[in-house]
Full PDB file with SEQRES, HELIX, SHEET, SSBOND, CRYST1, ORIGX, SCALE, CONECT and MASTER records, all heavy atoms in Angstrom:
SEQRES   1 A   37  GLY ALA LEU ASP ILE PRO VAL VAL GLY ILE ALA GLU GLN          
SEQRES   2 A   37  SER MET ALA SER ALA ALA GLN GLY ASN ARG ARG PHE SER          
SEQRES   3 A   37  VAL VAL THR THR THR PRO GLU LEU ILE ARG SER                  
HELIX    1 AA1 ILE A   10  ALA A   18  1                                   9    
HELIX    2 AA2 GLN A   20  ASN A   22  5                                   3    
HELIX    3 AA3 PRO A   32  LEU A   34  5                                   3    
CRYST1    1.000    1.000    1.000  90.00  90.00  90.00 P 1           1          
ORIGX1      1.000000  0.000000  0.000000        0.00000                         
ORIGX2      0.000000  1.000000  0.000000        0.00000                         
ORIGX3      0.000000  0.000000  1.000000        0.00000                         
SCALE1      1.000000  0.000000  0.000000        0.00000                         
SCALE2      0.000000  1.000000  0.000000        0.00000                         
SCALE3      0.000000  0.000000  1.000000        0.00000                         
ATOM      1  N   GLY A   1       9.774  14.279  -2.997  1.00  0.00           N  
ATOM      2  CA  GLY A   1      10.994  15.022  -3.134  1.00  0.00           C  
ATOM      3  C   GLY A   1      10.815  16.432  -3.494  1.00  0.00           C  
ATOM      4  O   GLY A   1      11.605  17.336  -3.314  1.00  0.00           O  
ATOM      5  N   ALA A   2       9.690  16.696  -4.263  1.00  0.00           N  
ATOM      6  CA  ALA A   2       9.404  18.110  -4.685  1.00  0.00           C  
ATOM      7  C   ALA A   2       8.725  19.018  -3.714  1.00  0.00           C  
ATOM      8  O   ALA A   2       8.839  20.289  -3.824  1.00  0.00           O  
ATOM      9  CB  ALA A   2       8.552  18.074  -5.941  1.00  0.00           C  
ATOM     10  N   LEU A   3       8.076  18.395  -2.598  1.00  0.00           N  
ATOM     11  CA  LEU A   3       7.259  19.198  -1.788  1.00  0.00           C  
ATOM     12  C   LEU A   3       7.845  19.154  -0.269  1.00  0.00           C  
ATOM     13  O   LEU A   3       8.508  18.179   0.027  1.00  0.00           O  
ATOM     14  CB  LEU A   3       5.780  18.654  -1.721  1.00  0.00           C  
ATOM     15  CG  LEU A   3       5.024  18.664  -3.044  1.00  0.00           C  
ATOM     16  CD1 LEU A   3       3.677  17.997  -2.862  1.00  0.00           C  
ATOM     17  CD2 LEU A   3       4.880  20.029  -3.533  1.00  0.00           C  
ATOM     18  N   ASP A   4       7.560  20.163   0.411  1.00  0.00           N  
ATOM     19  CA  ASP A   4       8.053  20.251   1.852  1.00  0.00           C  
ATOM     20  C   ASP A   4       6.938  19.955   2.684  1.00  0.00           C  
ATOM     21  O   ASP A   4       7.019  20.271   3.925  1.00  0.00           O  
ATOM     22  CB  ASP A   4       8.761  21.486   2.136  1.00  0.00           C  
ATOM     23  CG  ASP A   4       7.861  22.749   1.910  1.00  0.00           C  
ATOM     24  OD1 ASP A   4       6.607  22.514   1.590  1.00  0.00           O  
ATOM     25  OD2 ASP A   4       8.222  23.892   2.119  1.00  0.00           O  
ATOM     26  N   ILE A   5       5.827  19.330   2.315  1.00  0.00           N  
ATOM     27  CA  ILE A   5       4.849  18.851   3.140  1.00  0.00           C  
ATOM     28  C   ILE A   5       4.701  17.309   2.990  1.00  0.00           C  
ATOM     29  O   ILE A   5       5.187  16.774   2.054  1.00  0.00           O  
ATOM     30  CB  ILE A   5       3.444  19.470   2.864  1.00  0.00           C  
ATOM     31  CG1 ILE A   5       3.114  19.231   1.283  1.00  0.00           C  
ATOM     32  CG2 ILE A   5       3.403  20.958   3.110  1.00  0.00           C  
ATOM     33  CD1 ILE A   5       1.827  19.705   0.806  1.00  0.00           C  
ATOM     34  N   PRO A   6       4.109  16.621   3.944  1.00  0.00           N  
ATOM     35  CA  PRO A   6       4.017  15.157   3.867  1.00  0.00           C  
ATOM     36  C   PRO A   6       3.139  14.658   2.639  1.00  0.00           C  
ATOM     37  O   PRO A   6       2.093  15.270   2.338  1.00  0.00           O  
ATOM     38  CB  PRO A   6       3.326  14.817   5.144  1.00  0.00           C  
ATOM     39  CG  PRO A   6       3.502  15.947   6.117  1.00  0.00           C  
ATOM     40  CD  PRO A   6       3.452  17.176   5.210  1.00  0.00           C  
ATOM     41  N   VAL A   7       3.592  13.647   2.062  1.00  0.00           N  
ATOM     42  CA  VAL A   7       2.943  13.100   0.922  1.00  0.00           C  
ATOM     43  C   VAL A   7       2.967  11.600   1.155  1.00  0.00           C  
ATOM     44  O   VAL A   7       3.941  10.860   1.388  1.00  0.00           O  
ATOM     45  CB  VAL A   7       3.727  13.331  -0.471  1.00  0.00           C  
ATOM     46  CG1 VAL A   7       2.908  12.765  -1.618  1.00  0.00           C  
ATOM     47  CG2 VAL A   7       3.968  14.762  -0.697  1.00  0.00           C  
ATOM     48  N   VAL A   8       1.730  10.953   1.134  1.00  0.00           N  
ATOM     49  CA  VAL A   8       1.525   9.519   1.379  1.00  0.00           C  
ATOM     50  C   VAL A   8       0.768   8.886   0.164  1.00  0.00           C  
ATOM     51  O   VAL A   8       0.063   9.587  -0.580  1.00  0.00           O  
ATOM     52  CB  VAL A   8       0.743   9.292   2.644  1.00  0.00           C  
ATOM     53  CG1 VAL A   8       1.544   9.832   3.827  1.00  0.00           C  
ATOM     54  CG2 VAL A   8      -0.682   9.661   2.488  1.00  0.00           C  
ATOM     55  N   GLY A   9       0.927   7.575   0.065  1.00  0.00           N  
ATOM     56  CA  GLY A   9       0.227   6.805  -0.985  1.00  0.00           C  
ATOM     57  C   GLY A   9      -0.736   5.804  -0.405  1.00  0.00           C  
ATOM     58  O   GLY A   9      -0.590   5.430   0.685  1.00  0.00           O  
ATOM     59  N   ILE A  10      -1.787   5.540  -1.278  1.00  0.00           N  
ATOM     60  CA  ILE A  10      -2.901   4.603  -0.686  1.00  0.00           C  
ATOM     61  C   ILE A  10      -2.293   3.181  -0.560  1.00  0.00           C  
ATOM     62  O   ILE A  10      -2.707   2.485   0.322  1.00  0.00           O  
ATOM     63  CB  ILE A  10      -4.219   4.734  -1.397  1.00  0.00           C  
ATOM     64  CG1 ILE A  10      -4.072   4.204  -2.879  1.00  0.00           C  
ATOM     65  CG2 ILE A  10      -4.695   6.058  -1.421  1.00  0.00           C  
ATOM     66  CD1 ILE A  10      -5.321   4.085  -3.586  1.00  0.00           C  
ATOM     67  N   ALA A  11      -1.342   2.775  -1.358  1.00  0.00           N  
ATOM     68  CA  ALA A  11      -0.884   1.479  -1.151  1.00  0.00           C  
ATOM     69  C   ALA A  11      -0.025   1.432   0.093  1.00  0.00           C  
ATOM     70  O   ALA A  11      -0.081   0.466   0.872  1.00  0.00           O  
ATOM     71  CB  ALA A  11      -0.103   1.034  -2.392  1.00  0.00           C  
ATOM     72  N   GLU A  12       0.950   2.377   0.202  1.00  0.00           N  
ATOM     73  CA  GLU A  12       1.804   2.574   1.386  1.00  0.00           C  
ATOM     74  C   GLU A  12       0.953   2.441   2.662  1.00  0.00           C  
ATOM     75  O   GLU A  12       1.333   1.675   3.602  1.00  0.00           O  
ATOM     76  CB  GLU A  12       2.483   3.872   1.239  1.00  0.00           C  
ATOM     77  CG  GLU A  12       3.403   4.255   2.390  1.00  0.00           C  
ATOM     78  CD  GLU A  12       3.746   5.713   2.324  1.00  0.00           C  
ATOM     79  OE1 GLU A  12       2.913   6.579   2.051  1.00  0.00           O  
ATOM     80  OE2 GLU A  12       4.925   5.883   2.555  1.00  0.00           O  
ATOM     81  N   GLN A  13      -0.045   3.337   2.754  1.00  0.00           N  
ATOM     82  CA  GLN A  13      -0.621   3.304   4.016  1.00  0.00           C  
ATOM     83  C   GLN A  13      -1.680   2.232   4.266  1.00  0.00           C  
ATOM     84  O   GLN A  13      -1.807   1.757   5.426  1.00  0.00           O  
ATOM     85  CB  GLN A  13      -1.518   4.679   4.049  1.00  0.00           C  
ATOM     86  CG  GLN A  13      -0.609   6.075   4.120  1.00  0.00           C  
ATOM     87  CD  GLN A  13       0.246   5.989   5.257  1.00  0.00           C  
ATOM     88  OE1 GLN A  13      -0.235   5.922   6.411  1.00  0.00           O  
ATOM     89  NE2 GLN A  13       1.571   6.336   5.053  1.00  0.00           N  
ATOM     90  N   SER A  14      -2.275   1.689   3.277  1.00  0.00           N  
ATOM     91  CA  SER A  14      -3.156   0.528   3.475  1.00  0.00           C  
ATOM     92  C   SER A  14      -2.378  -0.686   3.910  1.00  0.00           C  
ATOM     93  O   SER A  14      -2.716  -1.474   4.711  1.00  0.00           O  
ATOM     94  CB  SER A  14      -3.952   0.269   2.175  1.00  0.00           C  
ATOM     95  OG  SER A  14      -3.168  -0.029   1.044  1.00  0.00           O  
ATOM     96  N   MET A  15      -1.163  -0.914   3.156  1.00  0.00           N  
ATOM     97  CA  MET A  15      -0.289  -2.003   3.631  1.00  0.00           C  
ATOM     98  C   MET A  15       0.206  -1.893   5.121  1.00  0.00           C  
ATOM     99  O   MET A  15       0.213  -2.770   5.853  1.00  0.00           O  
ATOM    100  CB  MET A  15       0.929  -2.114   2.688  1.00  0.00           C  
ATOM    101  CG  MET A  15       0.526  -2.709   1.241  1.00  0.00           C  
ATOM    102  SD  MET A  15       1.865  -2.945   0.200  1.00  0.00           S  
ATOM    103  CE  MET A  15       0.964  -3.527  -1.227  1.00  0.00           C  
ATOM    104  N   ALA A  16       0.545  -0.610   5.500  1.00  0.00           N  
ATOM    105  CA  ALA A  16       1.006  -0.385   6.943  1.00  0.00           C  
ATOM    106  C   ALA A  16      -0.109  -0.725   7.859  1.00  0.00           C  
ATOM    107  O   ALA A  16       0.105  -1.273   8.911  1.00  0.00           O  
ATOM    108  CB  ALA A  16       1.484   1.102   6.964  1.00  0.00           C  
ATOM    109  N   SER A  17      -1.356  -0.351   7.429  1.00  0.00           N  
ATOM    110  CA  SER A  17      -2.500  -0.595   8.329  1.00  0.00           C  
ATOM    111  C   SER A  17      -2.860  -2.142   8.339  1.00  0.00           C  
ATOM    112  O   SER A  17      -2.997  -2.769   9.438  1.00  0.00           O  
ATOM    113  CB  SER A  17      -3.742   0.078   7.786  1.00  0.00           C  
ATOM    114  OG  SER A  17      -4.853  -0.198   8.558  1.00  0.00           O  
ATOM    115  N   ALA A  18      -2.756  -2.781   7.222  1.00  0.00           N  
ATOM    116  CA  ALA A  18      -3.043  -4.264   7.182  1.00  0.00           C  
ATOM    117  C   ALA A  18      -2.070  -5.022   8.016  1.00  0.00           C  
ATOM    118  O   ALA A  18      -2.354  -6.146   8.553  1.00  0.00           O  
ATOM    119  CB  ALA A  18      -3.118  -4.645   5.666  1.00  0.00           C  
ATOM    120  N   ALA A  19      -0.798  -4.495   7.946  1.00  0.00           N  
ATOM    121  CA  ALA A  19       0.300  -5.343   8.458  1.00  0.00           C  
ATOM    122  C   ALA A  19       0.434  -5.169   9.997  1.00  0.00           C  
ATOM    123  O   ALA A  19       1.299  -5.779  10.623  1.00  0.00           O  
ATOM    124  CB  ALA A  19       1.637  -5.006   7.816  1.00  0.00           C  
ATOM    125  N   GLN A  20      -0.366  -4.396  10.624  1.00  0.00           N  
ATOM    126  CA  GLN A  20      -0.181  -4.185  12.070  1.00  0.00           C  
ATOM    127  C   GLN A  20      -0.406  -5.396  12.857  1.00  0.00           C  
ATOM    128  O   GLN A  20      -1.202  -6.276  12.460  1.00  0.00           O  
ATOM    129  CB  GLN A  20      -1.344  -3.026  12.544  1.00  0.00           C  
ATOM    130  CG  GLN A  20      -1.171  -1.702  12.048  1.00  0.00           C  
ATOM    131  CD  GLN A  20      -2.183  -0.728  12.514  1.00  0.00           C  
ATOM    132  OE1 GLN A  20      -3.118  -1.221  13.287  1.00  0.00           O  
ATOM    133  NE2 GLN A  20      -2.140   0.549  12.079  1.00  0.00           N  
ATOM    134  N   GLY A  21       0.411  -5.537  13.834  1.00  0.00           N  
ATOM    135  CA  GLY A  21       0.413  -6.769  14.695  1.00  0.00           C  
ATOM    136  C   GLY A  21       0.954  -7.881  13.983  1.00  0.00           C  
ATOM    137  O   GLY A  21       0.678  -9.148  14.347  1.00  0.00           O  
ATOM    138  N   ASN A  22       1.762  -7.648  13.016  1.00  0.00           N  
ATOM    139  CA  ASN A  22       2.498  -8.723  12.165  1.00  0.00           C  
ATOM    140  C   ASN A  22       1.540  -9.523  11.434  1.00  0.00           C  
ATOM    141  O   ASN A  22       1.756 -10.759  11.263  1.00  0.00           O  
ATOM    142  CB  ASN A  22       3.457  -9.475  13.058  1.00  0.00           C  
ATOM    143  CG  ASN A  22       4.545 -10.193  12.263  1.00  0.00           C  
ATOM    144  OD1 ASN A  22       5.036  -9.575  11.288  1.00  0.00           O  
ATOM    145  ND2 ASN A  22       4.877 -11.446  12.584  1.00  0.00           N  
ATOM    146  N   ARG A  23       0.296  -8.968  11.076  1.00  0.00           N  
ATOM    147  CA  ARG A  23      -0.712  -9.822  10.381  1.00  0.00           C  
ATOM    148  C   ARG A  23      -0.266 -10.052   8.914  1.00  0.00           C  
ATOM    149  O   ARG A  23       0.397  -9.219   8.264  1.00  0.00           O  
ATOM    150  CB  ARG A  23      -2.011  -9.053  10.302  1.00  0.00           C  
ATOM    151  CG  ARG A  23      -2.796  -8.844  11.607  1.00  0.00           C  
ATOM    152  CD  ARG A  23      -4.083  -8.165  11.322  1.00  0.00           C  
ATOM    153  NE  ARG A  23      -3.978  -6.785  10.840  1.00  0.00           N  
ATOM    154  CZ  ARG A  23      -4.878  -5.807  11.068  1.00  0.00           C  
ATOM    155  NH1 ARG A  23      -5.826  -6.010  11.917  1.00  0.00           N  
ATOM    156  NH2 ARG A  23      -4.626  -4.617  10.614  1.00  0.00           N  
ATOM    157  N   ARG A  24      -0.615 -11.218   8.513  1.00  0.00           N  
ATOM    158  CA  ARG A  24      -0.536 -11.574   7.037  1.00  0.00           C  
ATOM    159  C   ARG A  24      -1.779 -10.942   6.370  1.00  0.00           C  
ATOM    160  O   ARG A  24      -2.899 -11.124   6.900  1.00  0.00           O  
ATOM    161  CB  ARG A  24      -0.470 -13.124   6.885  1.00  0.00           C  
ATOM    162  CG  ARG A  24       0.912 -13.663   7.211  1.00  0.00           C  
ATOM    163  CD  ARG A  24       0.895 -15.178   7.299  1.00  0.00           C  
ATOM    164  NE  ARG A  24       0.374 -15.779   5.986  1.00  0.00           N  
ATOM    165  CZ  ARG A  24       1.081 -15.948   4.828  1.00  0.00           C  
ATOM    166  NH1 ARG A  24       2.258 -15.499   4.787  1.00  0.00           N  
ATOM    167  NH2 ARG A  24       0.498 -16.529   3.824  1.00  0.00           N  
ATOM    168  N   PHE A  25      -1.556 -10.412   5.147  1.00  0.00           N  
ATOM    169  CA  PHE A  25      -2.729  -9.695   4.587  1.00  0.00           C  
ATOM    170  C   PHE A  25      -2.704 -10.130   3.021  1.00  0.00           C  
ATOM    171  O   PHE A  25      -1.653 -10.486   2.437  1.00  0.00           O  
ATOM    172  CB  PHE A  25      -2.591  -8.337   4.621  1.00  0.00           C  
ATOM    173  CG  PHE A  25      -1.419  -7.593   4.090  1.00  0.00           C  
ATOM    174  CD1 PHE A  25      -1.447  -7.188   2.712  1.00  0.00           C  
ATOM    175  CD2 PHE A  25      -0.263  -7.367   4.720  1.00  0.00           C  
ATOM    176  CE1 PHE A  25      -0.347  -6.557   2.174  1.00  0.00           C  
ATOM    177  CE2 PHE A  25       0.857  -6.763   4.197  1.00  0.00           C  
ATOM    178  CZ  PHE A  25       0.721  -6.334   2.860  1.00  0.00           C  
ATOM    179  N   SER A  26      -3.872 -10.070   2.458  1.00  0.00           N  
ATOM    180  CA  SER A  26      -4.027 -10.302   1.092  1.00  0.00           C  
ATOM    181  C   SER A  26      -4.543  -8.991   0.418  1.00  0.00           C  
ATOM    182  O   SER A  26      -5.293  -8.257   1.076  1.00  0.00           O  
ATOM    183  CB  SER A  26      -4.973 -11.459   0.707  1.00  0.00           C  
ATOM    184  OG  SER A  26      -4.419 -12.666   1.090  1.00  0.00           O  
ATOM    185  N   VAL A  27      -4.095  -8.738  -0.792  1.00  0.00           N  
ATOM    186  CA  VAL A  27      -4.715  -7.654  -1.660  1.00  0.00           C  
ATOM    187  C   VAL A  27      -5.764  -8.395  -2.631  1.00  0.00           C  
ATOM    188  O   VAL A  27      -5.309  -9.269  -3.438  1.00  0.00           O  
ATOM    189  CB  VAL A  27      -3.510  -6.918  -2.476  1.00  0.00           C  
ATOM    190  CG1 VAL A  27      -4.187  -5.872  -3.369  1.00  0.00           C  
ATOM    191  CG2 VAL A  27      -2.625  -6.347  -1.460  1.00  0.00           C  
ATOM    192  N   VAL A  28      -6.885  -7.774  -2.691  1.00  0.00           N  
ATOM    193  CA  VAL A  28      -7.922  -8.354  -3.549  1.00  0.00           C  
ATOM    194  C   VAL A  28      -8.153  -7.241  -4.576  1.00  0.00           C  
ATOM    195  O   VAL A  28      -8.512  -6.017  -4.094  1.00  0.00           O  
ATOM    196  CB  VAL A  28      -9.172  -8.753  -2.800  1.00  0.00           C  
ATOM    197  CG1 VAL A  28     -10.221  -9.160  -3.888  1.00  0.00           C  
ATOM    198  CG2 VAL A  28      -8.897  -9.922  -1.923  1.00  0.00           C  
ATOM    199  N   THR A  29      -8.096  -7.424  -5.836  1.00  0.00           N  
ATOM    200  CA  THR A  29      -8.064  -6.383  -6.843  1.00  0.00           C  
ATOM    201  C   THR A  29      -8.632  -6.884  -8.101  1.00  0.00           C  
ATOM    202  O   THR A  29      -8.960  -8.088  -8.415  1.00  0.00           O  
ATOM    203  CB  THR A  29      -6.814  -5.567  -6.982  1.00  0.00           C  
ATOM    204  OG1 THR A  29      -6.957  -4.414  -7.721  1.00  0.00           O  
ATOM    205  CG2 THR A  29      -5.676  -6.527  -7.514  1.00  0.00           C  
ATOM    206  N   THR A  30      -8.646  -6.034  -9.153  1.00  0.00           N  
ATOM    207  CA  THR A  30      -9.263  -6.400 -10.386  1.00  0.00           C  
ATOM    208  C   THR A  30      -8.315  -6.332 -11.611  1.00  0.00           C  
ATOM    209  O   THR A  30      -8.674  -6.655 -12.812  1.00  0.00           O  
ATOM    210  CB  THR A  30     -10.356  -5.343 -10.797  1.00  0.00           C  
ATOM    211  OG1 THR A  30      -9.803  -4.004 -10.767  1.00  0.00           O  
ATOM    212  CG2 THR A  30     -11.505  -5.341  -9.779  1.00  0.00           C  
ATOM    213  N   THR A  31      -6.989  -6.026 -11.370  1.00  0.00           N  
ATOM    214  CA  THR A  31      -6.061  -5.847 -12.470  1.00  0.00           C  
ATOM    215  C   THR A  31      -4.929  -6.859 -12.462  1.00  0.00           C  
ATOM    216  O   THR A  31      -3.889  -6.679 -11.798  1.00  0.00           O  
ATOM    217  CB  THR A  31      -5.446  -4.404 -12.230  1.00  0.00           C  
ATOM    218  OG1 THR A  31      -5.014  -4.188 -10.810  1.00  0.00           O  
ATOM    219  CG2 THR A  31      -6.476  -3.358 -12.540  1.00  0.00           C  
ATOM    220  N   PRO A  32      -5.123  -7.852 -13.263  1.00  0.00           N  
ATOM    221  CA  PRO A  32      -4.079  -8.975 -13.195  1.00  0.00           C  
ATOM    222  C   PRO A  32      -2.696  -8.465 -13.729  1.00  0.00           C  
ATOM    223  O   PRO A  32      -1.640  -9.076 -13.273  1.00  0.00           O  
ATOM    224  CB  PRO A  32      -4.570  -9.936 -14.182  1.00  0.00           C  
ATOM    225  CG  PRO A  32      -5.692  -9.347 -14.969  1.00  0.00           C  
ATOM    226  CD  PRO A  32      -6.207  -8.206 -14.141  1.00  0.00           C  
ATOM    227  N   GLU A  33      -2.662  -7.448 -14.638  1.00  0.00           N  
ATOM    228  CA  GLU A  33      -1.472  -6.974 -15.177  1.00  0.00           C  
ATOM    229  C   GLU A  33      -0.528  -6.151 -14.136  1.00  0.00           C  
ATOM    230  O   GLU A  33       0.541  -5.790 -14.535  1.00  0.00           O  
ATOM    231  CB  GLU A  33      -1.667  -6.264 -16.403  1.00  0.00           C  
ATOM    232  CG  GLU A  33      -2.091  -7.108 -17.545  1.00  0.00           C  
ATOM    233  CD  GLU A  33      -2.396  -6.303 -18.872  1.00  0.00           C  
ATOM    234  OE1 GLU A  33      -1.313  -5.872 -19.351  1.00  0.00           O  
ATOM    235  OE2 GLU A  33      -3.368  -6.261 -19.406  1.00  0.00           O  
ATOM    236  N   LEU A  34      -1.168  -5.825 -12.998  1.00  0.00           N  
ATOM    237  CA  LEU A  34      -0.451  -5.067 -11.909  1.00  0.00           C  
ATOM    238  C   LEU A  34       0.027  -5.836 -10.802  1.00  0.00           C  
ATOM    239  O   LEU A  34       0.445  -5.327  -9.783  1.00  0.00           O  
ATOM    240  CB  LEU A  34      -1.324  -3.951 -11.446  1.00  0.00           C  
ATOM    241  CG  LEU A  34      -1.588  -2.818 -12.568  1.00  0.00           C  
ATOM    242  CD1 LEU A  34      -2.629  -1.795 -12.020  1.00  0.00           C  
ATOM    243  CD2 LEU A  34      -0.299  -2.161 -12.991  1.00  0.00           C  
ATOM    244  N   ILE A  35      -0.066  -7.203 -10.878  1.00  0.00           N  
ATOM    245  CA  ILE A  35       0.405  -8.092  -9.759  1.00  0.00           C  
ATOM    246  C   ILE A  35       1.864  -7.769  -9.401  1.00  0.00           C  
ATOM    247  O   ILE A  35       2.156  -7.681  -8.230  1.00  0.00           O  
ATOM    248  CB  ILE A  35       0.279  -9.473 -10.160  1.00  0.00           C  
ATOM    249  CG1 ILE A  35      -1.319  -9.886 -10.154  1.00  0.00           C  
ATOM    250  CG2 ILE A  35       0.953 -10.448  -9.152  1.00  0.00           C  
ATOM    251  CD1 ILE A  35      -1.494 -11.407 -10.581  1.00  0.00           C  
ATOM    252  N   ARG A  36       2.645  -7.583 -10.471  1.00  0.00           N  
ATOM    253  CA  ARG A  36       4.114  -7.400 -10.135  1.00  0.00           C  
ATOM    254  C   ARG A  36       4.379  -6.057  -9.428  1.00  0.00           C  
ATOM    255  O   ARG A  36       5.141  -5.998  -8.460  1.00  0.00           O  
ATOM    256  CB  ARG A  36       4.921  -7.445 -11.395  1.00  0.00           C  
ATOM    257  CG  ARG A  36       6.382  -7.415 -11.202  1.00  0.00           C  
ATOM    258  CD  ARG A  36       7.232  -7.629 -12.592  1.00  0.00           C  
ATOM    259  NE  ARG A  36       6.724  -6.576 -13.572  1.00  0.00           N  
ATOM    260  CZ  ARG A  36       7.336  -6.656 -14.807  1.00  0.00           C  
ATOM    261  NH1 ARG A  36       8.155  -7.675 -15.083  1.00  0.00           N  
ATOM    262  NH2 ARG A  36       7.014  -5.797 -15.708  1.00  0.00           N  
ATOM    263  N   SER A  37       3.597  -5.037  -9.864  1.00  0.00           N  
ATOM    264  CA  SER A  37       3.798  -3.696  -9.095  1.00  0.00           C  
ATOM    265  C   SER A  37       3.295  -3.724  -7.732  1.00  0.00           C  
ATOM    266  O   SER A  37       3.898  -3.074  -6.837  1.00  0.00           O  
ATOM    267  CB  SER A  37       3.129  -2.641  -9.969  1.00  0.00           C  
ATOM    268  OG  SER A  37       1.754  -2.675  -9.804  1.00  0.00           O  
TER     269      SER A  37                                                      
MASTER        0    0    0    3    0    0    0    6  268    1    0    3          
END                                                                             
């Protein structure tokens, strides 16, 4: 909202990549307290 250039996030873009072709994907990570986010 603050910038007039493109801004992307690593979760946003990695999920878009993983989901290509309607694939089911899993996230493997180290932080149990961030499951909800």
